[in-house]
């Protein structure tokens, strides 16, 4: 998500980042907001940005939960997955 009139970070940088994400196979969407600068101000754009963030976060959490169920590595700690350090895997502390 990027404002087309951003004077702090040129939109070309956001486009390059998007292309790099796609090149390595990452699911990504590039959103350009017209008339916006570094911060999104127009109410319709703010609502769109929030909606997209919620959808993206929900997808990310869903993928994370699926990965944990199918190939959990480590041991549960207080309801969360704890990634074991190499020395823990080998049994040495």
PDB file of N, CA and C in Angstrom:
ATOM      1  N   UNK A   1       0.854  -1.167   0.000  1.00  0.00           N
ATOM      2  CA  UNK A   1       0.000   0.000   0.000  1.00  0.00           C
ATOM      3  C   UNK A   1       0.900   1.230   0.000  1.00  0.00           C
ATOM      4  N   UNK A   2       0.649   2.090  -0.952  1.00  0.00           N
ATOM      5  CA  UNK A   2       1.531   3.243  -1.093  1.00  0.00           C
ATOM      6  C   UNK A   2       0.771   4.417  -1.702  1.00  0.00           C
ATOM      7  N   UNK A   3       1.035   5.603  -1.178  1.00  0.00           N
ATOM      8  CA  UNK A   3       0.464   6.812  -1.759  1.00  0.00           C
ATOM      9  C   UNK A   3       1.237   7.220  -2.996  1.00  0.00           C
ATOM     10  N   UNK A   4       0.536   7.571  -4.058  1.00  0.00           N
ATOM     11  CA  UNK A   4       1.209   7.940  -5.307  1.00  0.00           C
ATOM     12  C   UNK A   4       1.988   9.250  -5.185  1.00  0.00           C
ATOM     13  N   UNK A   5       1.631  10.105  -4.228  1.00  0.00           N
ATOM     14  CA  UNK A   5       2.317  11.389  -4.065  1.00  0.00           C
ATOM     15  C   UNK A   5       3.255  11.402  -2.865  1.00  0.00           C
ATOM     16  N   UNK A   6       3.768  10.258  -2.484  1.00  0.00           N
ATOM     17  CA  UNK A   6       4.661  10.156  -1.326  1.00  0.00           C
ATOM     18  C   UNK A   6       5.998  10.814  -1.656  1.00  0.00           C
ATOM     19  N   UNK A   7       6.330  11.868  -0.926  1.00  0.00           N
ATOM     20  CA  UNK A   7       7.602  12.563  -1.133  1.00  0.00           C
ATOM     21  C   UNK A   7       8.723  11.984  -0.284  1.00  0.00           C
ATOM     22  N   UNK A   8       8.393  11.147   0.698  1.00  0.00           N
ATOM     23  CA  UNK A   8       9.409  10.547   1.569  1.00  0.00           C
ATOM     24  C   UNK A   8       9.976   9.256   0.982  1.00  0.00           C
ATOM     25  N   UNK A   9       9.088   8.426   0.457  1.00  0.00           N
ATOM     26  CA  UNK A   9       9.500   7.152  -0.135  1.00  0.00           C
ATOM     27  C   UNK A   9       8.915   7.093  -1.544  1.00  0.00           C
ATOM     28  N   UNK A  10       9.749   7.182  -2.565  1.00  0.00           N
ATOM     29  CA  UNK A  10       9.237   7.143  -3.937  1.00  0.00           C
ATOM     30  C   UNK A  10       8.463   5.857  -4.203  1.00  0.00           C
ATOM     31  N   UNK A  11       7.395   5.979  -4.948  1.00  0.00           N
ATOM     32  CA  UNK A  11       6.560   4.811  -5.232  1.00  0.00           C
ATOM     33  C   UNK A  11       7.332   3.745  -6.000  1.00  0.00           C
ATOM     34  N   UNK A  12       8.371   4.142  -6.712  1.00  0.00           N
ATOM     35  CA  UNK A  12       9.198   3.168  -7.438  1.00  0.00           C
ATOM     36  C   UNK A  12       9.827   2.161  -6.476  1.00  0.00           C
ATOM     37  N   UNK A  13      10.146   2.588  -5.258  1.00  0.00           N
ATOM     38  CA  UNK A  13      10.724   1.659  -4.273  1.00  0.00           C
ATOM     39  C   UNK A  13       9.695   0.612  -3.865  1.00  0.00           C
ATOM     40  N   UNK A  14       8.453   1.039  -3.668  1.00  0.00           N
ATOM     41  CA  UNK A  14       7.390   0.093  -3.322  1.00  0.00           C
ATOM     42  C   UNK A  14       7.164  -0.888  -4.470  1.00  0.00           C
ATOM     43  N   UNK A  15       7.206  -0.387  -5.688  1.00  0.00           N
ATOM     44  CA  UNK A  15       7.023  -1.257  -6.847  1.00  0.00           C
ATOM     45  C   UNK A  15       8.153  -2.279  -6.958  1.00  0.00           C
ATOM     46  N   UNK A  16       9.389  -1.848  -6.709  1.00  0.00           N
ATOM     47  CA  UNK A  16      10.524  -2.770  -6.750  1.00  0.00           C
ATOM     48  C   UNK A  16      10.395  -3.843  -5.676  1.00  0.00           C
ATOM     49  N   UNK A  17       9.946  -3.434  -4.487  1.00  0.00           N
ATOM     50  CA  UNK A  17       9.755  -4.383  -3.395  1.00  0.00           C
ATOM     51  C   UNK A  17       8.680  -5.409  -3.766  1.00  0.00           C
ATOM     52  N   UNK A  18       7.589  -4.936  -4.344  1.00  0.00           N
ATOM     53  CA  UNK A  18       6.506  -5.823  -4.783  1.00  0.00           C
ATOM     54  C   UNK A  18       7.017  -6.827  -5.814  1.00  0.00           C
ATOM     55  N   UNK A  19       7.758  -6.351  -6.792  1.00  0.00           N
ATOM     56  CA  UNK A  19       8.298  -7.229  -7.835  1.00  0.00           C
ATOM     57  C   UNK A  19       9.238  -8.273  -7.222  1.00  0.00           C
ATOM     58  N   UNK A  20      10.063  -7.847  -6.270  1.00  0.00           N
ATOM     59  CA  UNK A  20      10.989  -8.782  -5.616  1.00  0.00           C
ATOM     60  C   UNK A  20      10.223  -9.860  -4.851  1.00  0.00           C
ATOM     61  N   UNK A  21       9.142  -9.470  -4.173  1.00  0.00           N
ATOM     62  CA  UNK A  21       8.331 -10.455  -3.455  1.00  0.00           C
ATOM     63  C   UNK A  21       7.729 -11.473  -4.420  1.00  0.00           C
ATOM     64  N   UNK A  22       7.198 -10.992  -5.533  1.00  0.00           N
ATOM     65  CA  UNK A  22       6.609 -11.884  -6.525  1.00  0.00           C
ATOM     66  C   UNK A  22       7.660 -12.800  -7.138  1.00  0.00           C
ATOM     67  N   UNK A  23       8.866 -12.264  -7.361  1.00  0.00           N
ATOM     68  CA  UNK A  23       9.950 -13.053  -7.960  1.00  0.00           C
ATOM     69  C   UNK A  23      10.335 -14.264  -7.108  1.00  0.00           C
ATOM     70  N   UNK A  24      10.206 -14.137  -5.776  1.00  0.00           N
ATOM     71  CA  UNK A  24      10.555 -15.262  -4.902  1.00  0.00           C
ATOM     72  C   UNK A  24       9.336 -16.089  -4.516  1.00  0.00           C
ATOM     73  N   UNK A  25       8.204 -15.813  -5.173  1.00  0.00           N
ATOM     74  CA  UNK A  25       7.028 -16.642  -4.971  1.00  0.00           C
ATOM     75  C   UNK A  25       6.144 -16.263  -3.790  1.00  0.00           C
ATOM     76  N   UNK A  26       6.332 -15.083  -3.244  1.00  0.00           N
ATOM     77  CA  UNK A  26       5.511 -14.634  -2.125  1.00  0.00           C
ATOM     78  C   UNK A  26       4.197 -14.075  -2.625  1.00  0.00           C
ATOM     79  N   UNK A  27       3.115 -14.430  -1.946  1.00  0.00           N
ATOM     80  CA  UNK A  27       1.811 -13.863  -2.294  1.00  0.00           C
ATOM     81  C   UNK A  27       1.834 -12.386  -1.908  1.00  0.00           C
ATOM     82  N   UNK A  28       1.600 -11.508  -2.866  1.00  0.00           N
ATOM     83  CA  UNK A  28       1.669 -10.071  -2.601  1.00  0.00           C
ATOM     84  C   UNK A  28       0.686  -9.320  -3.487  1.00  0.00           C
ATOM     85  N   UNK A  29       0.241  -8.181  -2.996  1.00  0.00           N
ATOM     86  CA  UNK A  29      -0.652  -7.295  -3.736  1.00  0.00           C
ATOM     87  C   UNK A  29      -0.088  -5.889  -3.623  1.00  0.00           C
ATOM     88  N   UNK A  30      -0.016  -5.182  -4.738  1.00  0.00           N
ATOM     89  CA  UNK A  30       0.451  -3.791  -4.735  1.00  0.00           C
ATOM     90  C   UNK A  30      -0.774  -2.887  -4.843  1.00  0.00           C
ATOM     91  N   UNK A  31      -0.934  -2.003  -3.878  1.00  0.00           N
ATOM     92  CA  UNK A  31      -2.061  -1.065  -3.875  1.00  0.00           C
ATOM     93  C   UNK A  31      -1.501   0.346  -3.922  1.00  0.00           C
ATOM     94  N   UNK A  32      -1.930   1.108  -4.932  1.00  0.00           N
ATOM     95  CA  UNK A  32      -1.515   2.507  -5.083  1.00  0.00           C
ATOM     96  C   UNK A  32      -2.709   3.399  -4.775  1.00  0.00           C
ATOM     97  N   UNK A  33      -2.520   4.328  -3.840  1.00  0.00           N
ATOM     98  CA  UNK A  33      -3.601   5.247  -3.494  1.00  0.00           C
ATOM     99  C   UNK A  33      -3.352   6.597  -4.164  1.00  0.00           C
ATOM    100  N   UNK A  34      -4.243   7.000  -5.085  1.00  0.00           N
ATOM    101  CA  UNK A  34      -4.076   8.296  -5.748  1.00  0.00           C
ATOM    102  C   UNK A  34      -4.270   9.442  -4.758  1.00  0.00           C
ATOM    103  N   UNK A  35      -3.585  10.543  -4.996  1.00  0.00           N
ATOM    104  CA  UNK A  35      -3.686  11.780  -4.208  1.00  0.00           C
ATOM    105  C   UNK A  35      -3.153  11.640  -2.787  1.00  0.00           C
ATOM    106  N   UNK A  36      -2.567  10.506  -2.449  1.00  0.00           N
ATOM    107  CA  UNK A  36      -2.072  10.294  -1.089  1.00  0.00           C
ATOM    108  C   UNK A  36      -0.564  10.472  -1.029  1.00  0.00           C
ATOM    109  N   UNK A  37      -0.111  10.962   0.107  1.00  0.00           N
ATOM    110  CA  UNK A  37       1.311  11.129   0.346  1.00  0.00           C
ATOM    111  C   UNK A  37       1.848   9.972   1.177  1.00  0.00           C
ATOM    112  N   UNK A  38       2.728  10.297   2.134  1.00  0.00           N
ATOM    113  CA  UNK A  38       3.364   9.266   2.954  1.00  0.00           C
ATOM    114  C   UNK A  38       2.373   8.606   3.907  1.00  0.00           C
ATOM    115  N   UNK A  39       1.389   9.349   4.356  1.00  0.00           N
ATOM    116  CA  UNK A  39       0.344   8.793   5.214  1.00  0.00           C
ATOM    117  C   UNK A  39      -0.985   8.822   4.476  1.00  0.00           C
ATOM    118  N   UNK A  40      -1.785   7.788   4.675  1.00  0.00           N
ATOM    119  CA  UNK A  40      -3.083   7.713   4.001  1.00  0.00           C
ATOM    120  C   UNK A  40      -4.067   8.559   4.802  1.00  0.00           C
ATOM    121  N   UNK A  41      -4.748   9.521   4.121  1.00  0.00           N
ATOM    122  CA  UNK A  41      -5.627  10.468   4.805  1.00  0.00           C
ATOM    123  C   UNK A  41      -7.092  10.397   4.373  1.00  0.00           C
ATOM    124  N   UNK A  42      -7.337  10.156   3.090  1.00  0.00           N
ATOM    125  CA  UNK A  42      -8.723  10.155   2.607  1.00  0.00           C
ATOM    126  C   UNK A  42      -9.490   9.001   3.249  1.00  0.00           C
ATOM    127  N   UNK A  43     -10.681   9.309   3.730  1.00  0.00           N
ATOM    128  CA  UNK A  43     -11.430   8.315   4.502  1.00  0.00           C
ATOM    129  C   UNK A  43     -11.690   7.020   3.732  1.00  0.00           C
ATOM    130  N   UNK A  44     -12.015   7.108   2.448  1.00  0.00           N
ATOM    131  CA  UNK A  44     -12.246   5.883   1.666  1.00  0.00           C
ATOM    132  C   UNK A  44     -10.976   5.051   1.573  1.00  0.00           C
ATOM    133  N   UNK A  45      -9.841   5.732   1.468  1.00  0.00           N
ATOM    134  CA  UNK A  45      -8.566   5.018   1.395  1.00  0.00           C
ATOM    135  C   UNK A  45      -8.212   4.402   2.738  1.00  0.00           C
ATOM    136  N   UNK A  46      -8.490   5.116   3.825  1.00  0.00           N
ATOM    137  CA  UNK A  46      -8.216   4.587   5.165  1.00  0.00           C
ATOM    138  C   UNK A  46      -9.035   3.321   5.396  1.00  0.00           C
ATOM    139  N   UNK A  47     -10.314   3.365   5.050  1.00  0.00           N
ATOM    140  CA  UNK A  47     -11.177   2.190   5.213  1.00  0.00           C
ATOM    141  C   UNK A  47     -10.649   1.038   4.365  1.00  0.00           C
ATOM    142  N   UNK A  48     -10.266   1.306   3.128  1.00  0.00           N
ATOM    143  CA  UNK A  48      -9.728   0.271   2.256  1.00  0.00           C
ATOM    144  C   UNK A  48      -8.457  -0.317   2.845  1.00  0.00           C
ATOM    145  N   UNK A  49      -7.591   0.534   3.358  1.00  0.00           N
ATOM    146  CA  UNK A  49      -6.332   0.078   3.937  1.00  0.00           C
ATOM    147  C   UNK A  49      -6.594  -0.826   5.151  1.00  0.00           C
ATOM    148  N   UNK A  50      -7.515  -0.430   6.000  1.00  0.00           N
ATOM    149  CA  UNK A  50      -7.845  -1.242   7.177  1.00  0.00           C
ATOM    150  C   UNK A  50      -8.450  -2.579   6.752  1.00  0.00           C
ATOM    151  N   UNK A  51      -9.399  -2.541   5.815  1.00  0.00           N
ATOM    152  CA  UNK A  51     -10.019  -3.783   5.342  1.00  0.00           C
ATOM    153  C   UNK A  51      -8.979  -4.740   4.765  1.00  0.00           C
ATOM    154  N   UNK A  52      -8.086  -4.203   3.945  1.00  0.00           N
ATOM    155  CA  UNK A  52      -7.045  -5.052   3.340  1.00  0.00           C
ATOM    156  C   UNK A  52      -6.111  -5.625   4.407  1.00  0.00           C
ATOM    157  N   UNK A  53      -5.789  -4.827   5.412  1.00  0.00           N
ATOM    158  CA  UNK A  53      -4.915  -5.294   6.493  1.00  0.00           C
ATOM    159  C   UNK A  53      -5.577  -6.415   7.286  1.00  0.00           C
ATOM    160  N   UNK A  54      -6.856  -6.287   7.559  1.00  0.00           N
ATOM    161  CA  UNK A  54      -7.585  -7.331   8.292  1.00  0.00           C
ATOM    162  C   UNK A  54      -7.610  -8.626   7.482  1.00  0.00           C
ATOM    163  N   UNK A  55      -7.919  -8.520   6.200  1.00  0.00           N
ATOM    164  CA  UNK A  55      -7.957  -9.715   5.346  1.00  0.00           C
ATOM    165  C   UNK A  55      -6.580 -10.367   5.283  1.00  0.00           C
ATOM    166  N   UNK A  56      -5.554  -9.562   5.105  1.00  0.00           N
ATOM    167  CA  UNK A  56      -4.192 -10.080   5.017  1.00  0.00           C
ATOM    168  C   UNK A  56      -3.775 -10.743   6.324  1.00  0.00           C
ATOM    169  N   UNK A  57      -4.061 -10.097   7.442  1.00  0.00           N
ATOM    170  CA  UNK A  57      -3.715 -10.664   8.746  1.00  0.00           C
ATOM    171  C   UNK A  57      -4.447 -11.960   9.011  1.00  0.00           C
ATOM    172  N   UNK A  58      -5.712 -12.009   8.643  1.00  0.00           N
ATOM    173  CA  UNK A  58      -6.508 -13.217   8.838  1.00  0.00           C
ATOM    174  C   UNK A  58      -5.951 -14.366   8.010  1.00  0.00           C
ATOM    175  N   UNK A  59      -5.579 -14.089   6.763  1.00  0.00           N
ATOM    176  CA  UNK A  59      -4.982 -15.132   5.912  1.00  0.00           C
ATOM    177  C   UNK A  59      -3.670 -15.618   6.511  1.00  0.00           C
ATOM    178  N   UNK A  60      -2.858 -14.686   7.000  1.00  0.00           N
ATOM    179  CA  UNK A  60      -1.560 -15.029   7.567  1.00  0.00           C
ATOM    180  C   UNK A  60      -1.717 -15.902   8.806  1.00  0.00           C
ATOM    181  N   UNK A  61      -2.643 -15.554   9.682  1.00  0.00           N
ATOM    182  CA  UNK A  61      -2.876 -16.343  10.889  1.00  0.00           C
ATOM    183  C   UNK A  61      -3.371 -17.729  10.518  1.00  0.00           C
ATOM    184  N   UNK A  62      -4.256 -17.792   9.548  1.00  0.00           N
ATOM    185  CA  UNK A  62      -4.805 -19.065   9.096  1.00  0.00           C
ATOM    186  C   UNK A  62      -3.699 -19.972   8.554  1.00  0.00           C
ATOM    187  N   UNK A  63      -2.815 -19.413   7.720  1.00  0.00           N
ATOM    188  CA  UNK A  63      -1.696 -20.196   7.166  1.00  0.00           C
ATOM    189  C   UNK A  63      -0.779 -20.666   8.286  1.00  0.00           C
ATOM    190  N   UNK A  64      -0.533 -19.795   9.243  1.00  0.00           N
ATOM    191  CA  UNK A  64       0.350 -20.124  10.355  1.00  0.00           C
ATOM    192  C   UNK A  64      -0.219 -21.288  11.172  1.00  0.00           C
ATOM    193  N   UNK A  65      -1.507 -21.247  11.429  1.00  0.00           N
ATOM    194  CA  UNK A  65      -2.142 -22.330  12.193  1.00  0.00           C
ATOM    195  C   UNK A  65      -2.090 -23.640  11.434  1.00  0.00           C
ATOM    196  N   UNK A  66      -2.308 -23.583  10.117  1.00  0.00           N
ATOM    197  CA  UNK A  66      -2.243 -24.799   9.313  1.00  0.00           C
ATOM    198  C   UNK A  66      -0.845 -25.400   9.343  1.00  0.00           C
ATOM    199  N   UNK A  67       0.176 -24.542   9.225  1.00  0.00           N
ATOM    200  CA  UNK A  67       1.560 -25.030   9.248  1.00  0.00           C
ATOM    201  C   UNK A  67       1.863 -25.688  10.587  1.00  0.00           C
ATOM    202  N   UNK A  68       1.392 -25.101  11.664  1.00  0.00           N
ATOM    203  CA  UNK A  68       1.667 -25.671  12.986  1.00  0.00           C
ATOM    204  C   UNK A  68       1.045 -27.042  13.126  1.00  0.00           C
ATOM    205  N   UNK A  69      -0.167 -27.217  12.596  1.00  0.00           N
ATOM    206  CA  UNK A  69      -0.846 -28.499  12.705  1.00  0.00           C
ATOM    207  C   UNK A  69      -0.165 -29.560  11.867  1.00  0.00           C
ATOM    208  N   UNK A  70       0.350 -29.183  10.703  1.00  0.00           N
ATOM    209  CA  UNK A  70       0.874 -30.183   9.784  1.00  0.00           C
ATOM    210  C   UNK A  70       2.355 -30.484   9.982  1.00  0.00           C
ATOM    211  N   UNK A  71       3.126 -29.533  10.428  1.00  0.00           N
ATOM    212  CA  UNK A  71       4.563 -29.800  10.585  1.00  0.00           C
ATOM    213  C   UNK A  71       5.155 -29.020  11.748  1.00  0.00           C
ATOM    214  N   UNK A  72       4.575 -29.200  12.907  1.00  0.00           N
ATOM    215  CA  UNK A  72       5.054 -28.500  14.098  1.00  0.00           C
ATOM    216  C   UNK A  72       6.450 -28.986  14.467  1.00  0.00           C
ATOM    217  N   UNK A  73       7.338 -28.046  14.693  1.00  0.00           N
ATOM    218  CA  UNK A  73       8.704 -28.341  15.112  1.00  0.00           C
ATOM    219  C   UNK A  73       8.883 -27.692  16.472  1.00  0.00           C
ATOM    220  N   UNK A  74       9.360 -28.443  17.422  1.00  0.00           N
ATOM    221  CA  UNK A  74       9.567 -27.863  18.744  1.00  0.00           C
ATOM    222  C   UNK A  74       8.547 -28.385  19.725  1.00  0.00           C
ATOM    223  N   UNK A  75       8.410 -27.667  20.808  1.00  0.00           N
ATOM    224  CA  UNK A  75       7.471 -28.096  21.834  1.00  0.00           C
ATOM    225  C   UNK A  75       6.567 -26.932  22.216  1.00  0.00           C
ATOM    226  N   UNK A  76       5.308 -27.202  22.574  1.00  0.00           N
ATOM    227  CA  UNK A  76       4.401 -26.120  22.956  1.00  0.00           C
ATOM    228  C   UNK A  76       4.839 -25.480  24.265  1.00  0.00           C
ATOM    229  N   UNK A  77       4.800 -24.172  24.320  1.00  0.00           N
ATOM    230  CA  UNK A  77       5.098 -23.430  25.537  1.00  0.00           C
ATOM    231  C   UNK A  77       3.973 -22.432  25.742  1.00  0.00           C
ATOM    232  N   UNK A  78       3.206 -22.599  26.784  1.00  0.00           N
ATOM    233  CA  UNK A  78       2.078 -21.723  27.105  1.00  0.00           C
ATOM    234  C   UNK A  78       1.179 -21.510  25.883  1.00  0.00           C
ATOM    235  N   UNK A  79       0.844 -22.601  25.215  1.00  0.00           N
ATOM    236  CA  UNK A  79      -0.076 -22.511  24.093  1.00  0.00           C
ATOM    237  C   UNK A  79       0.542 -22.014  22.791  1.00  0.00           C
ATOM    238  N   UNK A  80       1.825 -21.742  22.797  1.00  0.00           N
ATOM    239  CA  UNK A  80       2.488 -21.269  21.581  1.00  0.00           C
ATOM    240  C   UNK A  80       3.553 -22.273  21.163  1.00  0.00           C
ATOM    241  N   UNK A  81       3.897 -22.217  19.896  1.00  0.00           N
ATOM    242  CA  UNK A  81       4.937 -23.100  19.391  1.00  0.00           C
ATOM    243  C   UNK A  81       6.292 -22.504  19.725  1.00  0.00           C
ATOM    244  N   UNK A  82       7.139 -23.288  20.344  1.00  0.00           N
ATOM    245  CA  UNK A  82       8.479 -22.836  20.699  1.00  0.00           C
ATOM    246  C   UNK A  82       9.459 -23.470  19.727  1.00  0.00           C
ATOM    247  N   UNK A  83      10.158 -22.647  18.975  1.00  0.00           N
ATOM    248  CA  UNK A  83      11.145 -23.154  18.028  1.00  0.00           C
ATOM    249  C   UNK A  83      12.375 -23.573  18.820  1.00  0.00           C
ATOM    250  N   UNK A  84      12.754 -24.827  18.677  1.00  0.00           N
ATOM    251  CA  UNK A  84      13.902 -25.308  19.425  1.00  0.00           C
ATOM    252  C   UNK A  84      15.194 -24.842  18.786  1.00  0.00           C
ATOM    253  N   UNK A  85      16.143 -24.484  19.623  1.00  0.00           N
ATOM    254  CA  UNK A  85      17.472 -24.109  19.158  1.00  0.00           C
ATOM    255  C   UNK A  85      18.236 -25.388  18.839  1.00  0.00           C
ATOM    256  N   UNK A  86      19.242 -25.298  17.947  1.00  0.00           N
ATOM    257  CA  UNK A  86      19.978 -26.510  17.566  1.00  0.00           C
ATOM    258  C   UNK A  86      20.535 -27.281  18.765  1.00  0.00           C
ATOM    259  N   UNK A  87      21.031 -26.578  19.785  1.00  0.00           N
ATOM    260  CA  UNK A  87      21.591 -27.267  20.940  1.00  0.00           C
ATOM    261  C   UNK A  87      20.503 -28.009  21.729  1.00  0.00           C
ATOM    262  N   UNK A  88      19.270 -27.521  21.723  1.00  0.00           N
ATOM    263  CA  UNK A  88      18.160 -28.197  22.399  1.00  0.00           C
ATOM    264  C   UNK A  88      17.782 -29.468  21.646  1.00  0.00           C
ATOM    265  N   UNK A  89      17.854 -29.434  20.328  1.00  0.00           N
ATOM    266  CA  UNK A  89      17.517 -30.607  19.514  1.00  0.00           C
ATOM    267  C   UNK A  89      18.496 -31.745  19.754  1.00  0.00           C
ATOM    268  N   UNK A  90      19.765 -31.375  19.998  1.00  0.00           N
ATOM    269  CA  UNK A  90      20.791 -32.387  20.193  1.00  0.00           C
ATOM    270  C   UNK A  90      20.814 -32.908  21.628  1.00  0.00           C
ATOM    271  N   UNK A  91      20.048 -32.280  22.513  1.00  0.00           N
ATOM    272  CA  UNK A  91      19.976 -32.737  23.885  1.00  0.00           C
ATOM    273  C   UNK A  91      20.995 -32.082  24.801  1.00  0.00           C
ATOM    274  N   UNK A  92      21.848 -31.205  24.265  1.00  0.00           N
ATOM    275  CA  UNK A  92      22.811 -30.516  25.132  1.00  0.00           C
ATOM    276  C   UNK A  92      22.291 -29.126  25.455  1.00  0.00           C
ATOM    277  N   UNK A  93      22.491 -28.696  26.680  1.00  0.00           N
ATOM    278  CA  UNK A  93      21.978 -27.391  27.119  1.00  0.00           C
ATOM    279  C   UNK A  93      22.964 -26.348  26.966  1.00  0.00           C
TER     280      UNK A  93
END
